[in-house]
């Protein structure tokens, strides 16, 4: 999971409402891990994903804009590293 998210950082991926594809799926998989859920990975950055991203951003002290760029991705990596 960490290497998948790092790949998004390395490619300077920015995801937001309306984004689609496997990059979105990586974020959705992280959100399932973070929230202890098993929501369907649909590779579609819809309203539900926005809400979950905002909740994560609030929890870790970022501005909750619901968009996923390098800052949010790096916080996801840090959170995962701290779970070990």
C-alpha atoms as a PDB file:
ATOM      1  CA  UNK A   1       0.000   0.000   0.000  1.00  0.00           C
ATOM      2  CA  UNK A   2       2.781   2.442   0.903  1.00  0.00           C
ATOM      3  CA  UNK A   3       4.564   1.854  -2.403  1.00  0.00           C
ATOM      4  CA  UNK A   4       1.304   2.356  -4.319  1.00  0.00           C
ATOM      5  CA  UNK A   5       0.695   5.702  -2.622  1.00  0.00           C
ATOM      6  CA  UNK A   6       4.359   6.691  -3.079  1.00  0.00           C
ATOM      7  CA  UNK A   7       3.903   6.043  -6.790  1.00  0.00           C
ATOM      8  CA  UNK A   8       1.096   8.618  -6.828  1.00  0.00           C
ATOM      9  CA  UNK A   9       3.356  11.130  -5.060  1.00  0.00           C
ATOM     10  CA  UNK A  10       6.201  10.444  -7.493  1.00  0.00           C
ATOM     11  CA  UNK A  11       3.890  11.047 -10.458  1.00  0.00           C
ATOM     12  CA  UNK A  12       2.516  14.239  -8.844  1.00  0.00           C
ATOM     13  CA  UNK A  13      -1.042  12.892  -9.040  1.00  0.00           C
ATOM     14  CA  UNK A  14      -3.871  15.180  -7.937  1.00  0.00           C
ATOM     15  CA  UNK A  15      -7.303  13.649  -7.460  1.00  0.00           C
ATOM     16  CA  UNK A  16     -10.626  15.357  -6.836  1.00  0.00           C
ATOM     17  CA  UNK A  17     -14.357  14.983  -7.368  1.00  0.00           C
ATOM     18  CA  UNK A  18     -14.884  13.502 -10.822  1.00  0.00           C
ATOM     19  CA  UNK A  19     -11.458  11.845 -11.091  1.00  0.00           C
ATOM     20  CA  UNK A  20     -11.544   8.237 -12.271  1.00  0.00           C
ATOM     21  CA  UNK A  21      -9.138   5.348 -12.613  1.00  0.00           C
ATOM     22  CA  UNK A  22      -6.877   3.030 -10.677  1.00  0.00           C
ATOM     23  CA  UNK A  23      -5.197   5.958  -8.895  1.00  0.00           C
ATOM     24  CA  UNK A  24      -8.557   6.710  -7.267  1.00  0.00           C
ATOM     25  CA  UNK A  25      -8.774   3.033  -6.334  1.00  0.00           C
ATOM     26  CA  UNK A  26      -5.470   3.297  -4.457  1.00  0.00           C
ATOM     27  CA  UNK A  27      -6.887   6.150  -2.374  1.00  0.00           C
ATOM     28  CA  UNK A  28     -10.145   4.256  -1.815  1.00  0.00           C
ATOM     29  CA  UNK A  29      -8.198   1.203  -0.629  1.00  0.00           C
ATOM     30  CA  UNK A  30      -6.271   3.389   1.819  1.00  0.00           C
ATOM     31  CA  UNK A  31      -9.533   4.888   3.103  1.00  0.00           C
ATOM     32  CA  UNK A  32     -10.879   1.378   3.725  1.00  0.00           C
ATOM     33  CA  UNK A  33      -7.760   0.541   5.740  1.00  0.00           C
ATOM     34  CA  UNK A  34      -7.890   3.849   7.624  1.00  0.00           C
ATOM     35  CA  UNK A  35     -11.579   3.508   8.476  1.00  0.00           C
ATOM     36  CA  UNK A  36     -11.568  -0.256   9.013  1.00  0.00           C
ATOM     37  CA  UNK A  37     -14.211  -0.665   6.318  1.00  0.00           C
ATOM     38  CA  UNK A  38     -14.613  -2.718   3.171  1.00  0.00           C
ATOM     39  CA  UNK A  39     -16.417  -0.298   0.887  1.00  0.00           C
ATOM     40  CA  UNK A  40     -16.386  -1.194  -2.798  1.00  0.00           C
ATOM     41  CA  UNK A  41     -13.376   0.082  -4.758  1.00  0.00           C
ATOM     42  CA  UNK A  42     -15.002   1.594  -7.852  1.00  0.00           C
ATOM     43  CA  UNK A  43     -12.130   3.825  -9.072  1.00  0.00           C
ATOM     44  CA  UNK A  44     -14.561   6.766  -9.132  1.00  0.00           C
ATOM     45  CA  UNK A  45     -13.857   9.820  -6.963  1.00  0.00           C
ATOM     46  CA  UNK A  46     -17.467  10.579  -6.095  1.00  0.00           C
ATOM     47  CA  UNK A  47     -19.168  12.372  -3.220  1.00  0.00           C
ATOM     48  CA  UNK A  48     -18.611   9.465  -0.824  1.00  0.00           C
ATOM     49  CA  UNK A  49     -14.878   9.485  -1.466  1.00  0.00           C
ATOM     50  CA  UNK A  50     -14.776  13.270  -1.022  1.00  0.00           C
ATOM     51  CA  UNK A  51     -16.422  12.925   2.400  1.00  0.00           C
ATOM     52  CA  UNK A  52     -14.000  10.214   3.520  1.00  0.00           C
ATOM     53  CA  UNK A  53     -10.998  12.215   2.285  1.00  0.00           C
ATOM     54  CA  UNK A  54     -12.236  15.307   4.161  1.00  0.00           C
ATOM     55  CA  UNK A  55     -12.669  13.247   7.338  1.00  0.00           C
ATOM     56  CA  UNK A  56      -9.100  11.928   7.023  1.00  0.00           C
ATOM     57  CA  UNK A  57      -7.762  15.427   6.344  1.00  0.00           C
ATOM     58  CA  UNK A  58      -9.551  16.816   9.420  1.00  0.00           C
ATOM     59  CA  UNK A  59      -8.288  13.957  11.586  1.00  0.00           C
ATOM     60  CA  UNK A  60      -4.654  14.655  10.713  1.00  0.00           C
ATOM     61  CA  UNK A  61      -4.855  18.448  10.858  1.00  0.00           C
ATOM     62  CA  UNK A  62      -4.955  19.347   7.176  1.00  0.00           C
ATOM     63  CA  UNK A  63      -7.357  21.751   5.522  1.00  0.00           C
ATOM     64  CA  UNK A  64     -10.305  19.535   4.604  1.00  0.00           C
ATOM     65  CA  UNK A  65     -10.751  20.351   0.919  1.00  0.00           C
ATOM     66  CA  UNK A  66     -11.586  16.808  -0.181  1.00  0.00           C
ATOM     67  CA  UNK A  67      -8.843  16.791  -2.805  1.00  0.00           C
ATOM     68  CA  UNK A  68      -5.863  14.445  -2.760  1.00  0.00           C
ATOM     69  CA  UNK A  69      -2.478  15.872  -3.690  1.00  0.00           C
ATOM     70  CA  UNK A  70       1.062  15.319  -2.456  1.00  0.00           C
ATOM     71  CA  UNK A  71       0.441  16.661   1.066  1.00  0.00           C
ATOM     72  CA  UNK A  72      -2.526  14.380   1.711  1.00  0.00           C
ATOM     73  CA  UNK A  73      -0.783  11.427   0.049  1.00  0.00           C
ATOM     74  CA  UNK A  74       2.309  11.894   2.224  1.00  0.00           C
ATOM     75  CA  UNK A  75       0.101  12.023   5.333  1.00  0.00           C
ATOM     76  CA  UNK A  76      -1.473   8.738   4.215  1.00  0.00           C
ATOM     77  CA  UNK A  77       2.000   7.195   3.936  1.00  0.00           C
ATOM     78  CA  UNK A  78       2.985   8.508   7.376  1.00  0.00           C
ATOM     79  CA  UNK A  79      -0.211   7.130   8.909  1.00  0.00           C
ATOM     80  CA  UNK A  80       0.442   3.694   7.408  1.00  0.00           C
ATOM     81  CA  UNK A  81       4.050   3.688   8.642  1.00  0.00           C
ATOM     82  CA  UNK A  82       2.846   4.466  12.165  1.00  0.00           C
ATOM     83  CA  UNK A  83       0.506   1.454  12.156  1.00  0.00           C
ATOM     84  CA  UNK A  84       3.362  -1.051  12.138  1.00  0.00           C
END
